[in-house]
Amino acid sequence: MVAVIPDKLYFKIGEVCKISGVEPYILRYWESEFKLVKPYRTKSNQRLYRKKDVESILKIKKII
């Protein structure tokens, strides 16, 4: 199954979960383990993932 990444600048964690099929706690863990995944943090500390972050998450999922 090929994941389709919408053409957007930023994605919330819930959107990334739907695209990648990975649970939020796994994304947060991968963020601490892999330097490739570094979401932008808003002033309210909400994670915003860029398209390259989502692509990295999909690569990590494929490897693991």
PDB file of N, CA and C in Angstrom:
ATOM      1  N   MET A   1       0.840  -1.185   0.000  1.00  0.00           N
ATOM      2  CA  MET A   1       0.000   0.000   0.000  1.00  0.00           C
ATOM      3  C   MET A   1       0.889   1.254   0.000  1.00  0.00           C
ATOM      4  N   VAL A   2       0.610   2.154  -0.904  1.00  0.00           N
ATOM      5  CA  VAL A   2       1.386   3.376  -1.024  1.00  0.00           C
ATOM      6  C   VAL A   2       0.640   4.503  -0.314  1.00  0.00           C
ATOM      7  N   ALA A   3       1.323   5.166   0.617  1.00  0.00           N
ATOM      8  CA  ALA A   3       0.721   6.274   1.350  1.00  0.00           C
ATOM      9  C   ALA A   3       0.741   7.522   0.477  1.00  0.00           C
ATOM     10  N   VAL A   4      -0.387   8.224   0.460  1.00  0.00           N
ATOM     11  CA  VAL A   4      -0.491   9.461  -0.300  1.00  0.00           C
ATOM     12  C   VAL A   4      -0.358  10.620   0.682  1.00  0.00           C
ATOM     13  N   ILE A   5       0.617  11.483   0.417  1.00  0.00           N
ATOM     14  CA  ILE A   5       0.850  12.630   1.287  1.00  0.00           C
ATOM     15  C   ILE A   5       0.225  13.854   0.630  1.00  0.00           C
ATOM     16  N   PRO A   6      -0.782  14.455   1.261  1.00  0.00           N
ATOM     17  CA  PRO A   6      -1.407  15.653   0.681  1.00  0.00           C
ATOM     18  C   PRO A   6      -0.399  16.784   0.523  1.00  0.00           C
ATOM     19  N   ASP A   7      -0.678  17.687  -0.389  1.00  0.00           N
ATOM     20  CA  ASP A   7       0.211  18.814  -0.666  1.00  0.00           C
ATOM     21  C   ASP A   7      -0.094  19.942   0.315  1.00  0.00           C
ATOM     22  N   LYS A   8       0.510  19.867   1.492  1.00  0.00           N
ATOM     23  CA  LYS A   8       0.329  20.855   2.550  1.00  0.00           C
ATOM     24  C   LYS A   8       1.695  21.197   3.134  1.00  0.00           C
ATOM     25  N   LEU A   9       1.787  22.329   3.810  1.00  0.00           N
ATOM     26  CA  LEU A   9       3.046  22.694   4.468  1.00  0.00           C
ATOM     27  C   LEU A   9       3.233  21.949   5.775  1.00  0.00           C
ATOM     28  N   TYR A  10       2.168  21.891   6.585  1.00  0.00           N
ATOM     29  CA  TYR A  10       2.267  21.284   7.914  1.00  0.00           C
ATOM     30  C   TYR A  10       1.134  20.297   8.143  1.00  0.00           C
ATOM     31  N   PHE A  11       1.443  19.278   8.953  1.00  0.00           N
ATOM     32  CA  PHE A  11       0.466  18.248   9.305  1.00  0.00           C
ATOM     33  C   PHE A  11       0.436  18.105  10.819  1.00  0.00           C
ATOM     34  N   LYS A  12      -0.756  17.978  11.391  1.00  0.00           N
ATOM     35  CA  LYS A  12      -0.883  17.699  12.823  1.00  0.00           C
ATOM     36  C   LYS A  12      -0.614  16.220  13.047  1.00  0.00           C
ATOM     37  N   ILE A  13      -0.353  15.871  14.285  1.00  0.00           N
ATOM     38  CA  ILE A  13       0.032  14.489  14.600  1.00  0.00           C
ATOM     39  C   ILE A  13      -1.059  13.488  14.201  1.00  0.00           C
ATOM     40  N   GLY A  14      -2.320  13.868  14.344  1.00  0.00           N
ATOM     41  CA  GLY A  14      -3.420  12.987  13.949  1.00  0.00           C
ATOM     42  C   GLY A  14      -3.431  12.709  12.455  1.00  0.00           C
ATOM     43  N   GLU A  15      -3.115  13.724  11.670  1.00  0.00           N
ATOM     44  CA  GLU A  15      -3.052  13.558  10.216  1.00  0.00           C
ATOM     45  C   GLU A  15      -1.897  12.634   9.835  1.00  0.00           C
ATOM     46  N   VAL A  16      -0.774  12.799  10.505  1.00  0.00           N
ATOM     47  CA  VAL A  16       0.390  11.952  10.233  1.00  0.00           C
ATOM     48  C   VAL A  16       0.077  10.505  10.601  1.00  0.00           C
ATOM     49  N   CYS A  17      -0.651  10.312  11.671  1.00  0.00           N
ATOM     50  CA  CYS A  17      -1.051   8.962  12.082  1.00  0.00           C
ATOM     51  C   CYS A  17      -1.909   8.306  11.002  1.00  0.00           C
ATOM     52  N   LYS A  18      -2.847   9.050  10.443  1.00  0.00           N
ATOM     53  CA  LYS A  18      -3.714   8.500   9.391  1.00  0.00           C
ATOM     54  C   LYS A  18      -2.923   8.184   8.130  1.00  0.00           C
ATOM     55  N   ILE A  19      -2.007   9.059   7.759  1.00  0.00           N
ATOM     56  CA  ILE A  19      -1.200   8.851   6.552  1.00  0.00           C
ATOM     57  C   ILE A  19      -0.277   7.647   6.716  1.00  0.00           C
ATOM     58  N   SER A  20       0.360   7.545   7.881  1.00  0.00           N
ATOM     59  CA  SER A  20       1.388   6.520   8.088  1.00  0.00           C
ATOM     60  C   SER A  20       0.867   5.223   8.699  1.00  0.00           C
ATOM     61  N   GLY A  21      -0.277   5.285   9.358  1.00  0.00           N
ATOM     62  CA  GLY A  21      -0.782   4.092  10.043  1.00  0.00           C
ATOM     63  C   GLY A  21      -0.013   3.788  11.318  1.00  0.00           C
ATOM     64  N   VAL A  22       0.597   4.814  11.908  1.00  0.00           N
ATOM     65  CA  VAL A  22       1.398   4.663  13.120  1.00  0.00           C
ATOM     66  C   VAL A  22       0.716   5.427  14.254  1.00  0.00           C
ATOM     67  N   GLU A  23       0.693   4.839  15.432  1.00  0.00           N
ATOM     68  CA  GLU A  23       0.057   5.468  16.595  1.00  0.00           C
ATOM     69  C   GLU A  23       0.848   6.689  17.068  1.00  0.00           C
ATOM     70  N   PRO A  24       0.170   7.672  17.697  1.00  0.00           N
ATOM     71  CA  PRO A  24       0.850   8.886  18.163  1.00  0.00           C
ATOM     72  C   PRO A  24       2.024   8.621  19.113  1.00  0.00           C
ATOM     73  N   TYR A  25       1.877   7.656  20.020  1.00  0.00           N
ATOM     74  CA  TYR A  25       2.964   7.401  20.965  1.00  0.00           C
ATOM     75  C   TYR A  25       4.202   6.866  20.252  1.00  0.00           C
ATOM     76  N   ILE A  26       4.009   6.150  19.154  1.00  0.00           N
ATOM     77  CA  ILE A  26       5.137   5.658  18.358  1.00  0.00           C
ATOM     78  C   ILE A  26       5.832   6.830  17.663  1.00  0.00           C
ATOM     79  N   LEU A  27       5.039   7.763  17.117  1.00  0.00           N
ATOM     80  CA  LEU A  27       5.628   8.938  16.467  1.00  0.00           C
ATOM     81  C   LEU A  27       6.450   9.749  17.465  1.00  0.00           C
ATOM     82  N   ARG A  28       5.924   9.908  18.673  1.00  0.00           N
ATOM     83  CA  ARG A  28       6.657  10.663  19.691  1.00  0.00           C
ATOM     84  C   ARG A  28       7.955   9.941  20.067  1.00  0.00           C
ATOM     85  N   TYR A  29       7.909   8.625  20.138  1.00  0.00           N
ATOM     86  CA  TYR A  29       9.107   7.848  20.439  1.00  0.00           C
ATOM     87  C   TYR A  29      10.132   7.985  19.309  1.00  0.00           C
ATOM     88  N   TRP A  30       9.685   7.846  18.065  1.00  0.00           N
ATOM     89  CA  TRP A  30      10.589   7.966  16.925  1.00  0.00           C
ATOM     90  C   TRP A  30      11.219   9.348  16.882  1.00  0.00           C
ATOM     91  N   GLU A  31      10.467  10.349  17.293  1.00  0.00           N
ATOM     92  CA  GLU A  31      10.994  11.711  17.339  1.00  0.00           C
ATOM     93  C   GLU A  31      12.204  11.791  18.281  1.00  0.00           C
ATOM     94  N   SER A  32      12.167  11.040  19.367  1.00  0.00           N
ATOM     95  CA  SER A  32      13.272  11.053  20.324  1.00  0.00           C
ATOM     96  C   SER A  32      14.433  10.169  19.868  1.00  0.00           C
ATOM     97  N   GLU A  33      14.168   9.198  18.998  1.00  0.00           N
ATOM     98  CA  GLU A  33      15.194   8.240  18.588  1.00  0.00           C
ATOM     99  C   GLU A  33      15.864   8.571  17.255  1.00  0.00           C
ATOM    100  N   PHE A  34      15.131   9.188  16.341  1.00  0.00           N
ATOM    101  CA  PHE A  34      15.637   9.444  15.000  1.00  0.00           C
ATOM    102  C   PHE A  34      15.746  10.944  14.755  1.00  0.00           C
ATOM    103  N   LYS A  35      16.932  11.385  14.377  1.00  0.00           N
ATOM    104  CA  LYS A  35      17.174  12.816  14.131  1.00  0.00           C
ATOM    105  C   LYS A  35      16.438  13.325  12.895  1.00  0.00           C
ATOM    106  N   LEU A  36      16.034  12.408  12.013  1.00  0.00           N
ATOM    107  CA  LEU A  36      15.320  12.808  10.798  1.00  0.00           C
ATOM    108  C   LEU A  36      13.951  13.405  11.093  1.00  0.00           C
ATOM    109  N   VAL A  37      13.336  12.961  12.182  1.00  0.00           N
ATOM    110  CA  VAL A  37      11.984  13.409  12.526  1.00  0.00           C
ATOM    111  C   VAL A  37      12.090  14.512  13.572  1.00  0.00           C
ATOM    112  N   LYS A  38      11.855  15.729  13.150  1.00  0.00           N
ATOM    113  CA  LYS A  38      11.958  16.876  14.051  1.00  0.00           C
ATOM    114  C   LYS A  38      10.817  17.852  13.738  1.00  0.00           C
ATOM    115  N   PRO A  39       9.627  17.592  14.292  1.00  0.00           N
ATOM    116  CA  PRO A  39       8.503  18.476  13.986  1.00  0.00           C
ATOM    117  C   PRO A  39       8.674  19.866  14.595  1.00  0.00           C
ATOM    118  N   TYR A  40       8.088  20.824  13.932  1.00  0.00           N
ATOM    119  CA  TYR A  40       8.052  22.200  14.430  1.00  0.00           C
ATOM    120  C   TYR A  40       7.101  22.247  15.621  1.00  0.00           C
ATOM    121  N   ARG A  41       7.438  23.037  16.622  1.00  0.00           N
ATOM    122  CA  ARG A  41       6.572  23.186  17.798  1.00  0.00           C
ATOM    123  C   ARG A  41       5.965  24.583  17.807  1.00  0.00           C
ATOM    124  N   THR A  42       4.643  24.660  17.979  1.00  0.00           N
ATOM    125  CA  THR A  42       3.973  25.947  18.078  1.00  0.00           C
ATOM    126  C   THR A  42       4.172  26.516  19.474  1.00  0.00           C
ATOM    127  N   LYS A  43       3.703  27.730  19.698  1.00  0.00           N
ATOM    128  CA  LYS A  43       3.812  28.340  21.028  1.00  0.00           C
ATOM    129  C   LYS A  43       3.052  27.535  22.077  1.00  0.00           C
ATOM    130  N   SER A  44       1.991  26.848  21.639  1.00  0.00           N
ATOM    131  CA  SER A  44       1.226  26.007  22.560  1.00  0.00           C
ATOM    132  C   SER A  44       1.800  24.590  22.639  1.00  0.00           C
ATOM    133  N   ASN A  45       3.011  24.392  22.075  1.00  0.00           N
ATOM    134  CA  ASN A  45       3.753  23.129  22.116  1.00  0.00           C
ATOM    135  C   ASN A  45       3.128  22.014  21.275  1.00  0.00           C
ATOM    136  N   GLN A  46       2.287  22.374  20.309  1.00  0.00           N
ATOM    137  CA  GLN A  46       1.693  21.389  19.407  1.00  0.00           C
ATOM    138  C   GLN A  46       2.694  21.034  18.321  1.00  0.00           C
ATOM    139  N   ARG A  47       2.781  19.756  17.990  1.00  0.00           N
ATOM    140  CA  ARG A  47       3.696  19.310  16.943  1.00  0.00           C
ATOM    141  C   ARG A  47       3.085  19.576  15.572  1.00  0.00           C
ATOM    142  N   LEU A  48       3.892  20.146  14.682  1.00  0.00           N
ATOM    143  CA  LEU A  48       3.505  20.310  13.287  1.00  0.00           C
ATOM    144  C   LEU A  48       4.596  19.680  12.434  1.00  0.00           C
ATOM    145  N   TYR A  49       4.211  18.642  11.714  1.00  0.00           N
ATOM    146  CA  TYR A  49       5.152  17.902  10.881  1.00  0.00           C
ATOM    147  C   TYR A  49       5.175  18.474   9.471  1.00  0.00           C
ATOM    148  N   ARG A  50       6.367  18.595   8.899  1.00  0.00           N
ATOM    149  CA  ARG A  50       6.500  19.008   7.501  1.00  0.00           C
ATOM    150  C   ARG A  50       6.434  17.770   6.616  1.00  0.00           C
ATOM    151  N   LYS A  51       6.294  18.013   5.324  1.00  0.00           N
ATOM    152  CA  LYS A  51       6.205  16.895   4.380  1.00  0.00           C
ATOM    153  C   LYS A  51       7.437  15.998   4.477  1.00  0.00           C
ATOM    154  N   LYS A  52       8.628  16.598   4.647  1.00  0.00           N
ATOM    155  CA  LYS A  52       9.846  15.777   4.736  1.00  0.00           C
ATOM    156  C   LYS A  52       9.841  14.923   6.008  1.00  0.00           C
ATOM    157  N   ASP A  53       9.215  15.417   7.088  1.00  0.00           N
ATOM    158  CA  ASP A  53       9.077  14.607   8.307  1.00  0.00           C
ATOM    159  C   ASP A  53       8.191  13.392   8.043  1.00  0.00           C
ATOM    160  N   VAL A  54       7.082  13.622   7.333  1.00  0.00           N
ATOM    161  CA  VAL A  54       6.158  12.526   7.015  1.00  0.00           C
ATOM    162  C   VAL A  54       6.855  11.505   6.124  1.00  0.00           C
ATOM    163  N   GLU A  55       7.625  11.965   5.151  1.00  0.00           N
ATOM    164  CA  GLU A  55       8.372  11.049   4.282  1.00  0.00           C
ATOM    165  C   GLU A  55       9.381  10.237   5.092  1.00  0.00           C
ATOM    166  N   SER A  56      10.051  10.881   6.044  1.00  0.00           N
ATOM    167  CA  SER A  56      10.999  10.173   6.906  1.00  0.00           C
ATOM    168  C   SER A  56      10.295   9.128   7.755  1.00  0.00           C
ATOM    169  N   ILE A  57       9.123   9.466   8.275  1.00  0.00           N
ATOM    170  CA  ILE A  57       8.341   8.527   9.090  1.00  0.00           C
ATOM    171  C   ILE A  57       7.966   7.306   8.262  1.00  0.00           C
ATOM    172  N   LEU A  58       7.570   7.520   7.020  1.00  0.00           N
ATOM    173  CA  LEU A  58       7.212   6.396   6.155  1.00  0.00           C
ATOM    174  C   LEU A  58       8.429   5.519   5.868  1.00  0.00           C
ATOM    175  N   LYS A  59       9.605   6.127   5.712  1.00  0.00           N
ATOM    176  CA  LYS A  59      10.835   5.350   5.490  1.00  0.00           C
ATOM    177  C   LYS A  59      11.186   4.526   6.738  1.00  0.00           C
ATOM    178  N   ILE A  60      11.067   5.156   7.908  1.00  0.00           N
ATOM    179  CA  ILE A  60      11.361   4.450   9.152  1.00  0.00           C
ATOM    180  C   ILE A  60      10.409   3.269   9.330  1.00  0.00           C
ATOM    181  N   LYS A  61       9.133   3.493   9.050  1.00  0.00           N
ATOM    182  CA  LYS A  61       8.141   2.428   9.187  1.00  0.00           C
ATOM    183  C   LYS A  61       8.475   1.259   8.253  1.00  0.00           C
ATOM    184  N   LYS A  62       8.933   1.588   7.059  1.00  0.00           N
ATOM    185  CA  LYS A  62       9.272   0.532   6.085  1.00  0.00           C
ATOM    186  C   LYS A  62      10.471  -0.281   6.561  1.00  0.00           C
ATOM    187  N   ILE A  63      11.435   0.382   7.186  1.00  0.00           N
ATOM    188  CA  ILE A  63      12.638  -0.302   7.667  1.00  0.00           C
ATOM    189  C   ILE A  63      12.344  -1.165   8.891  1.00  0.00           C
ATOM    190  N   ILE A  64      11.510  -0.650   9.788  1.00  0.00           N
ATOM    191  CA  ILE A  64      11.243  -1.354  11.051  1.00  0.00           C
ATOM    192  C   ILE A  64      10.225  -2.397  10.869  1.00  0.00           C
TER     193      ILE A  64
END
